[in-house]
């Protein structure tokens, strides 16, 4: 089966270069987001267990240091709880939620731009198709009843190629957006679980152990 002839893209007219620019932009945004989210996603259960083991030894400063050295929003949420380990439950919950709200925009950054590329690409393709048809009818009008197929084919090539190229860009960009959105949701779930688990531990076992020697 013969491969795709990429030289045909040169017949796509000016809109093909707009699509090429959008493709480059979309690729850069996707790679940056994948690397950022990969760096920020840790094994939440193992991390919380490690922090609990440190706290059982009454090493609060060490636990906070571990959170500071661990990248990602899960560590930031756990750190917020540790910084307010002695506070009332409502105050601790407020600071944990505040930490989560601060981290959320960083997780969702540039997702809107990727969605915009996916939505704009078909519109660029539609514009290129319209321009190709205009070129075709103009050639037909100038050629009259004796317009040659070669004169008409340039506009038709432009219309078809730019339409196909726009779909070839829009489809993977839509998939990329949904993939990244799913990754963000997974990290948010880890944040919520980690925050609840560390607060539950600090308000029950940690405080009970701290009050034990005093009784």
N, C-alpha and C. Protein backbone atom coordinates (compact mmCIF):
# COMPACT_ATOMS: atom_id res chain seq x y z
N UNK A 1 0.85 -1.20 0.00
CA UNK A 1 0.00 0.00 0.00
C UNK A 1 0.88 1.24 0.00
N UNK A 2 0.75 2.12 -0.98
CA UNK A 2 1.60 3.30 -1.03
C UNK A 2 1.33 4.23 0.14
N UNK A 3 2.41 4.90 0.60
CA UNK A 3 2.27 5.83 1.71
C UNK A 3 1.67 7.15 1.26
N UNK A 4 1.39 7.97 2.27
CA UNK A 4 0.80 9.28 1.98
C UNK A 4 1.86 10.20 1.38
N UNK A 5 1.49 10.87 0.32
CA UNK A 5 2.39 11.80 -0.36
C UNK A 5 2.30 13.17 0.32
N UNK A 6 3.28 13.48 1.16
CA UNK A 6 3.22 14.72 1.91
C UNK A 6 3.45 15.95 1.03
N UNK A 7 3.93 15.74 -0.19
CA UNK A 7 4.09 16.89 -1.09
C UNK A 7 2.73 17.47 -1.48
N UNK A 8 1.67 16.69 -1.30
CA UNK A 8 0.34 17.20 -1.62
C UNK A 8 -0.05 18.35 -0.70
N UNK A 9 0.55 18.38 0.51
CA UNK A 9 0.19 19.45 1.44
C UNK A 9 0.53 20.83 0.87
N UNK A 10 1.53 20.87 -0.02
CA UNK A 10 1.90 22.15 -0.62
C UNK A 10 0.77 22.72 -1.47
N UNK A 11 -0.17 21.88 -1.87
CA UNK A 11 -1.30 22.35 -2.68
C UNK A 11 -2.45 22.84 -1.80
N UNK A 12 -2.27 22.85 -0.51
CA UNK A 12 -3.36 23.22 0.39
C UNK A 12 -3.61 24.70 0.50
N UNK A 13 -2.80 25.51 -0.14
CA UNK A 13 -3.03 26.95 -0.09
C UNK A 13 -2.54 27.59 1.20
N UNK A 14 -2.84 28.85 1.42
CA UNK A 14 -2.31 29.56 2.59
C UNK A 14 -2.82 29.01 3.93
N UNK A 15 -4.02 28.45 3.94
CA UNK A 15 -4.56 27.95 5.20
C UNK A 15 -3.81 26.74 5.73
N UNK A 16 -3.08 26.04 4.85
CA UNK A 16 -2.32 24.89 5.32
C UNK A 16 -1.20 25.33 6.25
N UNK A 17 -0.68 26.53 6.04
CA UNK A 17 0.38 27.04 6.92
C UNK A 17 -0.21 27.48 8.26
N UNK A 18 -1.43 27.95 8.23
CA UNK A 18 -2.10 28.26 9.50
C UNK A 18 -2.30 26.99 10.30
N UNK A 19 -2.72 25.93 9.64
CA UNK A 19 -2.90 24.65 10.32
C UNK A 19 -1.57 24.09 10.82
N UNK A 20 -0.51 24.30 10.06
CA UNK A 20 0.80 23.85 10.50
C UNK A 20 1.22 24.57 11.77
N UNK A 21 0.96 25.88 11.82
CA UNK A 21 1.27 26.64 13.03
C UNK A 21 0.45 26.17 14.22
N UNK A 22 -0.84 25.89 14.00
CA UNK A 22 -1.69 25.38 15.08
C UNK A 22 -1.21 24.01 15.55
N UNK A 23 -0.78 23.17 14.61
CA UNK A 23 -0.29 21.84 14.97
C UNK A 23 0.96 21.94 15.83
N UNK A 24 1.87 22.83 15.47
CA UNK A 24 3.09 23.01 16.27
C UNK A 24 2.75 23.53 17.66
N UNK A 25 1.85 24.50 17.72
CA UNK A 25 1.42 25.04 19.01
C UNK A 25 0.77 23.97 19.87
N UNK A 26 -0.14 23.20 19.27
CA UNK A 26 -0.82 22.15 20.01
C UNK A 26 0.14 21.09 20.52
N UNK A 27 1.13 20.72 19.71
CA UNK A 27 2.11 19.73 20.13
C UNK A 27 2.93 20.23 21.31
N UNK A 28 3.38 21.48 21.24
CA UNK A 28 4.16 22.06 22.33
C UNK A 28 3.36 22.10 23.63
N UNK A 29 2.11 22.52 23.54
CA UNK A 29 1.26 22.59 24.73
C UNK A 29 1.02 21.21 25.32
N UNK A 30 0.79 20.23 24.46
CA UNK A 30 0.52 18.87 24.93
C UNK A 30 1.73 18.28 25.63
N UNK A 31 2.90 18.41 25.02
CA UNK A 31 4.12 17.86 25.63
C UNK A 31 4.40 18.53 26.97
N UNK A 32 4.24 19.86 27.04
CA UNK A 32 4.48 20.56 28.30
C UNK A 32 3.54 20.10 29.39
N UNK A 33 2.26 19.92 29.05
CA UNK A 33 1.27 19.49 30.04
C UNK A 33 1.52 18.05 30.50
N UNK A 34 1.89 17.18 29.56
CA UNK A 34 2.16 15.79 29.93
C UNK A 34 3.32 15.72 30.91
N UNK A 35 4.39 16.46 30.63
CA UNK A 35 5.56 16.46 31.52
C UNK A 35 5.20 17.05 32.88
N UNK A 36 4.43 18.14 32.88
CA UNK A 36 4.07 18.78 34.15
C UNK A 36 3.20 17.87 35.00
N UNK A 37 2.19 17.27 34.40
CA UNK A 37 1.29 16.41 35.15
C UNK A 37 1.98 15.12 35.60
N UNK A 38 2.89 14.62 34.77
CA UNK A 38 3.63 13.43 35.17
C UNK A 38 4.50 13.72 36.39
N UNK A 39 5.09 14.90 36.40
CA UNK A 39 5.93 15.29 37.53
C UNK A 39 5.09 15.47 38.79
N UNK A 40 3.87 15.96 38.63
CA UNK A 40 3.04 16.25 39.79
C UNK A 40 2.24 15.08 40.31
N UNK A 41 2.20 13.97 39.56
CA UNK A 41 1.40 12.82 40.00
C UNK A 41 2.31 11.82 40.72
N UNK A 42 2.03 11.59 41.99
CA UNK A 42 2.81 10.66 42.79
C UNK A 42 1.88 9.58 43.33
N UNK A 43 2.46 8.58 43.96
CA UNK A 43 1.65 7.55 44.59
C UNK A 43 1.13 8.09 45.92
N UNK A 44 -0.10 8.56 45.88
CA UNK A 44 -0.65 9.27 47.04
C UNK A 44 -0.70 8.38 48.27
N UNK A 45 -1.13 7.14 48.11
CA UNK A 45 -1.26 6.26 49.27
C UNK A 45 0.08 6.02 49.94
N UNK A 46 1.11 5.72 49.14
CA UNK A 46 2.43 5.48 49.70
C UNK A 46 3.00 6.74 50.35
N UNK A 47 2.73 7.89 49.74
CA UNK A 47 3.23 9.15 50.29
C UNK A 47 2.60 9.45 51.64
N UNK A 48 1.28 9.32 51.73
CA UNK A 48 0.59 9.59 52.99
C UNK A 48 1.05 8.60 54.07
N UNK A 49 1.23 7.34 53.70
CA UNK A 49 1.71 6.36 54.67
C UNK A 49 3.10 6.74 55.18
N UNK A 50 3.95 7.22 54.28
CA UNK A 50 5.28 7.64 54.70
C UNK A 50 5.24 8.82 55.65
N UNK A 51 4.36 9.78 55.37
CA UNK A 51 4.23 10.93 56.26
C UNK A 51 3.68 10.49 57.61
N UNK A 52 2.74 9.58 57.61
CA UNK A 52 2.19 9.09 58.88
C UNK A 52 3.27 8.40 59.71
N UNK A 53 4.11 7.62 59.07
CA UNK A 53 5.19 6.93 59.80
C UNK A 53 6.14 7.94 60.45
N UNK A 54 6.40 9.03 59.74
CA UNK A 54 7.27 10.07 60.32
C UNK A 54 6.57 10.75 61.49
N UNK A 55 5.28 11.04 61.32
CA UNK A 55 4.54 11.72 62.37
C UNK A 55 4.37 10.85 63.61
N UNK A 56 4.35 9.54 63.43
CA UNK A 56 4.24 8.65 64.59
C UNK A 56 5.48 8.74 65.48
N UNK A 57 6.57 9.21 64.90
CA UNK A 57 7.81 9.41 65.67
C UNK A 57 7.91 10.84 66.19
N UNK A 58 6.81 11.60 66.02
CA UNK A 58 6.73 12.98 66.50
C UNK A 58 7.73 13.89 65.79
N UNK A 59 7.98 13.65 64.54
CA UNK A 59 8.94 14.45 63.78
C UNK A 59 8.17 15.32 62.79
N UNK A 60 7.54 16.34 63.29
CA UNK A 60 6.71 17.21 62.46
C UNK A 60 7.54 17.97 61.43
N UNK A 61 8.68 18.51 61.87
CA UNK A 61 9.52 19.29 60.95
C UNK A 61 10.02 18.40 59.81
N UNK A 62 10.39 17.19 60.12
CA UNK A 62 10.86 16.27 59.08
C UNK A 62 9.75 15.95 58.09
N UNK A 63 8.53 15.77 58.58
CA UNK A 63 7.40 15.48 57.70
C UNK A 63 7.12 16.66 56.77
N UNK A 64 7.20 17.87 57.32
CA UNK A 64 6.98 19.06 56.49
C UNK A 64 8.09 19.18 55.44
N UNK A 65 9.31 18.88 55.83
CA UNK A 65 10.43 18.93 54.88
C UNK A 65 10.24 17.94 53.74
N UNK A 66 9.75 16.74 54.06
CA UNK A 66 9.47 15.75 53.02
C UNK A 66 8.42 16.28 52.04
N UNK A 67 7.41 16.95 52.56
CA UNK A 67 6.37 17.53 51.69
C UNK A 67 6.96 18.62 50.79
N UNK A 68 7.84 19.43 51.33
CA UNK A 68 8.44 20.51 50.56
C UNK A 68 9.35 19.97 49.45
N UNK A 69 9.98 18.84 49.70
CA UNK A 69 10.89 18.26 48.72
C UNK A 69 10.18 17.39 47.70
N UNK A 70 8.91 17.11 47.92
CA UNK A 70 8.13 16.28 47.00
C UNK A 70 7.32 17.17 46.08
N UNK A 71 7.50 17.07 44.78
CA UNK A 71 6.73 17.93 43.87
C UNK A 71 5.28 17.48 43.76
N UNK A 72 4.42 18.40 43.37
CA UNK A 72 3.04 18.05 43.10
C UNK A 72 2.06 18.58 44.12
N UNK A 73 0.81 18.66 43.74
CA UNK A 73 -0.24 19.22 44.61
C UNK A 73 -0.59 18.34 45.80
N UNK A 74 -0.40 17.03 45.70
CA UNK A 74 -0.70 16.16 46.83
C UNK A 74 0.18 16.52 48.02
N UNK A 75 1.46 16.71 47.77
CA UNK A 75 2.38 17.08 48.84
C UNK A 75 2.02 18.45 49.42
N UNK A 76 1.57 19.36 48.56
CA UNK A 76 1.20 20.70 49.04
C UNK A 76 -0.02 20.64 49.97
N UNK A 77 -0.98 19.78 49.64
CA UNK A 77 -2.17 19.64 50.48
C UNK A 77 -1.81 19.01 51.82
N UNK A 78 -0.98 17.98 51.79
CA UNK A 78 -0.57 17.32 53.03
C UNK A 78 0.24 18.30 53.90
N UNK A 79 1.09 19.08 53.27
CA UNK A 79 1.88 20.07 54.02
C UNK A 79 0.96 21.07 54.72
N UNK A 80 -0.10 21.51 54.04
CA UNK A 80 -1.03 22.47 54.65
C UNK A 80 -1.66 21.89 55.90
N UNK A 81 -1.97 20.59 55.86
CA UNK A 81 -2.55 19.95 57.05
C UNK A 81 -1.52 19.86 58.17
N UNK A 82 -0.28 19.54 57.83
CA UNK A 82 0.76 19.42 58.85
C UNK A 82 1.07 20.75 59.51
N UNK A 83 1.05 21.81 58.73
CA UNK A 83 1.33 23.13 59.30
C UNK A 83 0.28 23.56 60.32
N UNK A 84 -0.89 22.95 60.24
CA UNK A 84 -1.98 23.30 61.16
C UNK A 84 -2.42 22.06 61.94
N UNK A 85 -1.44 21.23 62.28
CA UNK A 85 -1.73 19.98 62.97
C UNK A 85 -2.36 20.19 64.34
N UNK A 86 -2.04 21.31 64.96
CA UNK A 86 -2.56 21.57 66.32
C UNK A 86 -3.84 22.41 66.30
N UNK A 87 -4.29 22.82 65.13
CA UNK A 87 -5.47 23.67 65.05
C UNK A 87 -6.75 22.84 65.16
N UNK A 88 -7.85 23.56 65.31
CA UNK A 88 -9.16 22.91 65.33
C UNK A 88 -9.47 22.30 63.96
N UNK A 89 -10.40 21.36 63.97
CA UNK A 89 -10.71 20.63 62.74
C UNK A 89 -11.17 21.56 61.62
N UNK A 90 -12.03 22.52 61.94
CA UNK A 90 -12.55 23.43 60.92
C UNK A 90 -11.45 24.29 60.31
N UNK A 91 -10.56 24.77 61.15
CA UNK A 91 -9.46 25.61 60.65
C UNK A 91 -8.50 24.79 59.80
N UNK A 92 -8.21 23.58 60.25
CA UNK A 92 -7.34 22.71 59.46
C UNK A 92 -7.95 22.41 58.10
N UNK A 93 -9.25 22.09 58.08
CA UNK A 93 -9.93 21.80 56.83
C UNK A 93 -9.93 23.01 55.90
N UNK A 94 -10.08 24.19 56.47
CA UNK A 94 -10.06 25.41 55.65
C UNK A 94 -8.72 25.56 54.94
N UNK A 95 -7.63 25.36 55.66
CA UNK A 95 -6.31 25.54 55.06
C UNK A 95 -5.98 24.44 54.04
N UNK A 96 -6.46 23.24 54.29
CA UNK A 96 -6.26 22.17 53.32
C UNK A 96 -7.03 22.47 52.03
N UNK A 97 -8.28 22.91 52.18
CA UNK A 97 -9.06 23.26 50.99
C UNK A 97 -8.44 24.44 50.25
N UNK A 98 -7.93 25.40 51.00
CA UNK A 98 -7.28 26.55 50.38
C UNK A 98 -6.06 26.13 49.57
N UNK A 99 -5.27 25.20 50.12
CA UNK A 99 -4.11 24.69 49.39
C UNK A 99 -4.53 24.00 48.09
N UNK A 100 -5.62 23.24 48.15
CA UNK A 100 -6.12 22.58 46.95
C UNK A 100 -6.58 23.56 45.90
N UNK A 101 -7.25 24.63 46.34
CA UNK A 101 -7.73 25.65 45.40
C UNK A 101 -6.56 26.37 44.74
N UNK A 102 -5.49 26.59 45.49
CA UNK A 102 -4.31 27.25 44.93
C UNK A 102 -3.65 26.37 43.86
N UNK A 103 -3.64 25.06 44.07
CA UNK A 103 -2.98 24.14 43.14
C UNK A 103 -3.80 23.88 41.89
N UNK A 104 -5.11 23.99 41.97
CA UNK A 104 -5.97 23.63 40.84
C UNK A 104 -5.71 24.42 39.57
N UNK A 105 -5.56 25.76 39.62
CA UNK A 105 -5.30 26.49 38.38
C UNK A 105 -4.02 26.04 37.66
N UNK A 106 -3.00 25.67 38.42
CA UNK A 106 -1.76 25.20 37.81
C UNK A 106 -1.98 23.90 37.06
N UNK A 107 -2.85 23.04 37.59
CA UNK A 107 -3.15 21.77 36.93
C UNK A 107 -3.93 21.99 35.63
N UNK A 108 -4.84 22.95 35.63
CA UNK A 108 -5.70 23.18 34.48
C UNK A 108 -5.13 24.17 33.47
N UNK A 109 -3.95 24.71 33.77
CA UNK A 109 -3.36 25.72 32.89
C UNK A 109 -3.10 25.12 31.50
N UNK A 110 -3.42 25.90 30.48
CA UNK A 110 -3.19 25.59 29.06
C UNK A 110 -4.12 24.51 28.49
N UNK A 111 -4.96 23.92 29.31
CA UNK A 111 -5.93 22.98 28.76
C UNK A 111 -6.93 23.69 27.85
N UNK A 112 -7.28 24.91 28.24
CA UNK A 112 -8.19 25.69 27.39
C UNK A 112 -7.58 26.00 26.04
N UNK A 113 -6.27 26.23 26.00
CA UNK A 113 -5.60 26.51 24.73
C UNK A 113 -5.61 25.28 23.83
N UNK A 114 -5.41 24.09 24.42
CA UNK A 114 -5.45 22.86 23.63
C UNK A 114 -6.86 22.64 23.08
N UNK A 115 -7.88 22.89 23.91
CA UNK A 115 -9.25 22.77 23.44
C UNK A 115 -9.54 23.77 22.32
N UNK A 116 -8.96 24.97 22.44
CA UNK A 116 -9.18 25.98 21.40
C UNK A 116 -8.57 25.55 20.07
N UNK A 117 -7.38 24.94 20.11
CA UNK A 117 -6.75 24.44 18.88
C UNK A 117 -7.65 23.39 18.22
N UNK A 118 -8.20 22.49 19.04
CA UNK A 118 -9.07 21.44 18.51
C UNK A 118 -10.34 22.01 17.89
N UNK A 119 -10.85 23.10 18.45
CA UNK A 119 -12.09 23.69 17.95
C UNK A 119 -11.86 24.61 16.75
N UNK A 120 -10.71 25.27 16.73
CA UNK A 120 -10.44 26.23 15.66
C UNK A 120 -9.99 25.53 14.38
N UNK A 121 -9.30 24.40 14.50
CA UNK A 121 -8.76 23.71 13.32
C UNK A 121 -9.83 23.41 12.26
N UNK A 122 -11.00 22.85 12.63
CA UNK A 122 -12.01 22.62 11.58
C UNK A 122 -12.52 23.91 10.94
N UNK A 123 -12.56 24.99 11.72
CA UNK A 123 -12.99 26.27 11.14
C UNK A 123 -11.97 26.78 10.13
N UNK A 124 -10.69 26.60 10.45
CA UNK A 124 -9.66 26.98 9.48
C UNK A 124 -9.78 26.12 8.23
N UNK A 125 -10.06 24.82 8.44
CA UNK A 125 -10.26 23.94 7.29
C UNK A 125 -11.45 24.35 6.45
N UNK A 126 -12.53 24.78 7.11
CA UNK A 126 -13.71 25.23 6.37
C UNK A 126 -13.40 26.49 5.57
N UNK A 127 -12.64 27.40 6.17
CA UNK A 127 -12.25 28.60 5.44
C UNK A 127 -11.37 28.26 4.24
N UNK A 128 -10.42 27.34 4.45
CA UNK A 128 -9.57 26.92 3.34
C UNK A 128 -10.37 26.25 2.23
N UNK A 129 -11.37 25.47 2.62
CA UNK A 129 -12.24 24.83 1.62
C UNK A 129 -13.00 25.86 0.82
N UNK A 130 -13.53 26.87 1.51
CA UNK A 130 -14.26 27.95 0.82
C UNK A 130 -13.34 28.69 -0.14
N UNK A 131 -12.12 28.98 0.31
CA UNK A 131 -11.17 29.67 -0.58
C UNK A 131 -10.81 28.81 -1.78
N UNK A 132 -10.70 27.49 -1.57
CA UNK A 132 -10.41 26.60 -2.69
C UNK A 132 -11.53 26.58 -3.70
N UNK A 133 -12.77 26.59 -3.22
CA UNK A 133 -13.89 26.61 -4.14
C UNK A 133 -13.98 27.93 -4.89
N UNK A 134 -13.64 29.02 -4.19
CA UNK A 134 -13.60 30.32 -4.87
C UNK A 134 -12.57 30.29 -6.00
N UNK A 135 -11.41 29.70 -5.72
CA UNK A 135 -10.37 29.60 -6.75
C UNK A 135 -10.85 28.75 -7.93
N UNK A 136 -11.56 27.67 -7.62
CA UNK A 136 -12.06 26.80 -8.69
C UNK A 136 -13.06 27.52 -9.58
N UNK A 137 -14.03 28.19 -8.98
CA UNK A 137 -15.05 28.88 -9.77
C UNK A 137 -14.46 30.06 -10.54
N UNK A 138 -13.45 30.68 -9.95
CA UNK A 138 -12.79 31.78 -10.68
C UNK A 138 -12.08 31.26 -11.91
N UNK A 139 -11.40 30.10 -11.77
CA UNK A 139 -10.73 29.50 -12.93
C UNK A 139 -11.74 29.07 -13.98
N UNK A 140 -12.86 28.52 -13.51
CA UNK A 140 -13.90 28.09 -14.45
C UNK A 140 -14.48 29.29 -15.19
N UNK A 141 -14.68 30.40 -14.47
CA UNK A 141 -15.25 31.60 -15.08
C UNK A 141 -14.30 32.19 -16.11
N UNK A 142 -13.01 32.19 -15.79
CA UNK A 142 -12.03 32.74 -16.73
C UNK A 142 -11.85 31.85 -17.94
N UNK A 143 -12.00 30.52 -17.75
CA UNK A 143 -11.81 29.59 -18.86
C UNK A 143 -13.05 29.44 -19.72
N UNK A 144 -14.18 29.87 -19.22
CA UNK A 144 -15.42 29.77 -20.00
C UNK A 144 -15.79 28.32 -20.22
N UNK A 145 -16.36 28.04 -21.39
CA UNK A 145 -16.81 26.67 -21.71
C UNK A 145 -15.64 25.74 -21.99
N UNK A 146 -14.44 26.30 -22.12
CA UNK A 146 -13.28 25.49 -22.48
C UNK A 146 -12.26 25.42 -21.34
N UNK A 147 -12.73 25.60 -20.10
CA UNK A 147 -11.83 25.52 -18.94
C UNK A 147 -11.25 24.11 -18.84
N UNK A 148 -9.93 24.05 -18.74
CA UNK A 148 -9.23 22.77 -18.67
C UNK A 148 -9.26 22.22 -17.24
N UNK A 149 -9.16 20.90 -17.18
CA UNK A 149 -9.19 20.25 -15.86
C UNK A 149 -8.02 20.72 -15.00
N UNK A 150 -6.88 20.97 -15.60
CA UNK A 150 -5.73 21.43 -14.84
C UNK A 150 -5.98 22.77 -14.18
N UNK A 151 -6.70 23.64 -14.84
CA UNK A 151 -6.98 24.96 -14.27
C UNK A 151 -7.96 24.86 -13.11
N UNK A 152 -8.87 23.89 -13.17
CA UNK A 152 -9.87 23.73 -12.12
C UNK A 152 -9.37 22.92 -10.93
N UNK A 153 -8.37 22.07 -11.21
CA UNK A 153 -7.95 21.14 -10.15
C UNK A 153 -7.23 21.83 -9.01
N UNK A 154 -6.58 22.97 -9.26
CA UNK A 154 -5.81 23.64 -8.20
C UNK A 154 -6.71 24.01 -7.03
N UNK A 155 -7.86 24.61 -7.33
CA UNK A 155 -8.78 24.99 -6.27
C UNK A 155 -9.39 23.80 -5.58
N UNK A 156 -9.68 22.73 -6.35
CA UNK A 156 -10.25 21.53 -5.75
C UNK A 156 -9.25 20.85 -4.83
N UNK A 157 -7.99 20.80 -5.27
CA UNK A 157 -6.95 20.24 -4.40
C UNK A 157 -6.85 21.03 -3.10
N UNK A 158 -6.87 22.35 -3.23
CA UNK A 158 -6.78 23.20 -2.04
C UNK A 158 -7.93 22.93 -1.08
N UNK A 159 -9.13 22.83 -1.63
CA UNK A 159 -10.31 22.62 -0.78
C UNK A 159 -10.25 21.28 -0.07
N UNK A 160 -9.89 20.22 -0.79
CA UNK A 160 -9.89 18.88 -0.20
C UNK A 160 -8.75 18.69 0.79
N UNK A 161 -7.56 19.18 0.42
CA UNK A 161 -6.39 18.95 1.28
C UNK A 161 -6.52 19.70 2.59
N UNK A 162 -6.95 20.95 2.53
CA UNK A 162 -7.04 21.73 3.77
C UNK A 162 -8.16 21.19 4.66
N UNK A 163 -9.23 20.67 4.07
CA UNK A 163 -10.29 20.06 4.87
C UNK A 163 -9.78 18.81 5.57
N UNK A 164 -9.05 17.97 4.83
CA UNK A 164 -8.51 16.75 5.43
C UNK A 164 -7.48 17.08 6.50
N UNK A 165 -6.62 18.05 6.24
CA UNK A 165 -5.57 18.41 7.20
C UNK A 165 -6.17 18.97 8.49
N UNK A 166 -7.25 19.73 8.36
CA UNK A 166 -7.88 20.29 9.57
C UNK A 166 -8.45 19.19 10.45
N UNK A 167 -9.02 18.15 9.84
CA UNK A 167 -9.54 17.04 10.62
C UNK A 167 -8.41 16.20 11.22
N UNK A 168 -7.32 16.07 10.47
CA UNK A 168 -6.16 15.34 10.98
C UNK A 168 -5.55 16.03 12.19
N UNK A 169 -5.75 17.32 12.30
CA UNK A 169 -5.27 18.06 13.47
C UNK A 169 -6.31 18.07 14.59
N UNK A 170 -7.56 18.30 14.25
CA UNK A 170 -8.60 18.45 15.27
C UNK A 170 -8.83 17.16 16.05
N UNK A 171 -8.81 16.02 15.39
CA UNK A 171 -9.10 14.75 16.07
C UNK A 171 -8.08 14.44 17.16
N UNK A 172 -6.77 14.44 16.86
CA UNK A 172 -5.82 14.17 17.96
C UNK A 172 -5.80 15.24 19.03
N UNK A 173 -6.11 16.49 18.68
CA UNK A 173 -6.15 17.54 19.69
C UNK A 173 -7.33 17.34 20.66
N UNK A 174 -8.46 16.88 20.13
CA UNK A 174 -9.58 16.55 21.01
C UNK A 174 -9.21 15.40 21.94
N UNK A 175 -8.56 14.38 21.39
CA UNK A 175 -8.13 13.25 22.21
C UNK A 175 -7.12 13.70 23.26
N UNK A 176 -6.20 14.57 22.87
CA UNK A 176 -5.20 15.07 23.82
C UNK A 176 -5.86 15.84 24.95
N UNK A 177 -6.85 16.65 24.62
CA UNK A 177 -7.54 17.42 25.65
C UNK A 177 -8.24 16.50 26.65
N UNK A 178 -8.94 15.49 26.15
CA UNK A 178 -9.65 14.58 27.06
C UNK A 178 -8.67 13.73 27.87
N UNK A 179 -7.55 13.37 27.28
CA UNK A 179 -6.53 12.63 28.01
C UNK A 179 -5.97 13.45 29.16
N UNK A 180 -5.63 14.70 28.89
CA UNK A 180 -5.09 15.57 29.93
C UNK A 180 -6.13 15.89 30.99
N UNK A 181 -7.36 16.07 30.58
CA UNK A 181 -8.43 16.33 31.54
C UNK A 181 -8.60 15.16 32.49
N UNK A 182 -8.50 13.95 31.97
CA UNK A 182 -8.60 12.76 32.82
C UNK A 182 -7.44 12.70 33.80
N UNK A 183 -6.24 13.09 33.35
CA UNK A 183 -5.08 13.11 34.25
C UNK A 183 -5.30 14.12 35.37
N UNK A 184 -5.83 15.27 35.04
CA UNK A 184 -6.09 16.30 36.06
C UNK A 184 -7.11 15.78 37.07
N UNK A 185 -8.18 15.16 36.59
CA UNK A 185 -9.19 14.61 37.51
C UNK A 185 -8.58 13.58 38.45
N UNK A 186 -7.67 12.76 37.93
CA UNK A 186 -7.03 11.74 38.77
C UNK A 186 -6.18 12.39 39.87
N UNK A 187 -5.47 13.46 39.51
CA UNK A 187 -4.65 14.15 40.51
C UNK A 187 -5.54 14.84 41.54
N UNK A 188 -6.64 15.42 41.10
CA UNK A 188 -7.56 16.07 42.03
C UNK A 188 -8.13 15.04 43.01
N UNK A 189 -8.46 13.87 42.51
CA UNK A 189 -8.96 12.81 43.41
C UNK A 189 -7.89 12.43 44.43
N UNK A 190 -6.64 12.35 43.99
CA UNK A 190 -5.55 12.05 44.92
C UNK A 190 -5.39 13.15 45.96
N UNK A 191 -5.56 14.40 45.53
CA UNK A 191 -5.49 15.52 46.48
C UNK A 191 -6.58 15.40 47.53
N UNK A 192 -7.80 15.15 47.09
CA UNK A 192 -8.92 15.06 48.03
C UNK A 192 -8.73 13.90 48.99
N UNK A 193 -8.33 12.75 48.48
CA UNK A 193 -8.13 11.58 49.33
C UNK A 193 -7.00 11.82 50.33
N UNK A 194 -5.88 12.37 49.85
CA UNK A 194 -4.74 12.60 50.73
C UNK A 194 -5.08 13.61 51.81
N UNK A 195 -5.79 14.68 51.43
CA UNK A 195 -6.18 15.67 52.42
C UNK A 195 -7.08 15.10 53.49
N UNK A 196 -8.05 14.30 53.08
CA UNK A 196 -8.96 13.69 54.06
C UNK A 196 -8.23 12.70 54.97
N UNK A 197 -7.34 11.91 54.38
CA UNK A 197 -6.63 10.90 55.17
C UNK A 197 -5.70 11.54 56.20
N UNK A 198 -4.95 12.56 55.78
CA UNK A 198 -4.01 13.17 56.73
C UNK A 198 -4.75 13.94 57.81
N UNK A 199 -5.87 14.58 57.46
CA UNK A 199 -6.65 15.29 58.48
C UNK A 199 -7.26 14.30 59.47
N UNK A 200 -7.76 13.18 58.95
CA UNK A 200 -8.33 12.16 59.83
C UNK A 200 -7.27 11.64 60.80
N UNK A 201 -6.07 11.42 60.29
CA UNK A 201 -4.99 10.93 61.16
C UNK A 201 -4.60 11.96 62.20
N UNK A 202 -4.44 13.21 61.78
CA UNK A 202 -4.00 14.25 62.71
C UNK A 202 -5.03 14.52 63.80
N UNK A 203 -6.30 14.41 63.45
CA UNK A 203 -7.36 14.73 64.41
C UNK A 203 -7.69 13.57 65.34
N UNK A 204 -7.24 12.38 65.00
CA UNK A 204 -7.57 11.22 65.84
C UNK A 204 -6.31 10.60 66.42
N UNK A 205 -5.61 9.80 65.66
CA UNK A 205 -4.47 9.04 66.17
C UNK A 205 -3.34 9.94 66.67
N UNK A 206 -3.01 10.97 65.88
CA UNK A 206 -1.89 11.84 66.26
C UNK A 206 -2.18 12.56 67.56
N UNK A 207 -3.38 13.13 67.68
CA UNK A 207 -3.73 13.88 68.89
C UNK A 207 -3.92 12.93 70.08
N UNK A 208 -4.42 11.75 69.82
CA UNK A 208 -4.57 10.78 70.91
C UNK A 208 -3.22 10.35 71.44
N UNK A 209 -2.24 10.16 70.54
CA UNK A 209 -0.90 9.80 70.98
C UNK A 209 -0.24 10.93 71.73
N UNK A 210 -0.50 12.18 71.29
CA UNK A 210 0.09 13.35 71.96
C UNK A 210 -0.51 13.53 73.36
N UNK A 211 -1.80 13.23 73.51
CA UNK A 211 -2.44 13.40 74.80
C UNK A 211 -2.17 12.24 75.75
N UNK A 212 -1.70 11.09 75.25
CA UNK A 212 -1.49 9.91 76.06
C UNK A 212 -0.52 10.11 77.21
N UNK A 213 0.70 10.60 76.97
CA UNK A 213 1.66 10.75 78.06
C UNK A 213 1.22 11.73 79.13
N UNK A 214 0.33 12.69 78.74
CA UNK A 214 -0.07 13.71 79.71
C UNK A 214 -1.07 13.18 80.71
N UNK A 215 -1.79 12.12 80.36
CA UNK A 215 -2.84 11.61 81.25
C UNK A 215 -2.25 10.75 82.36
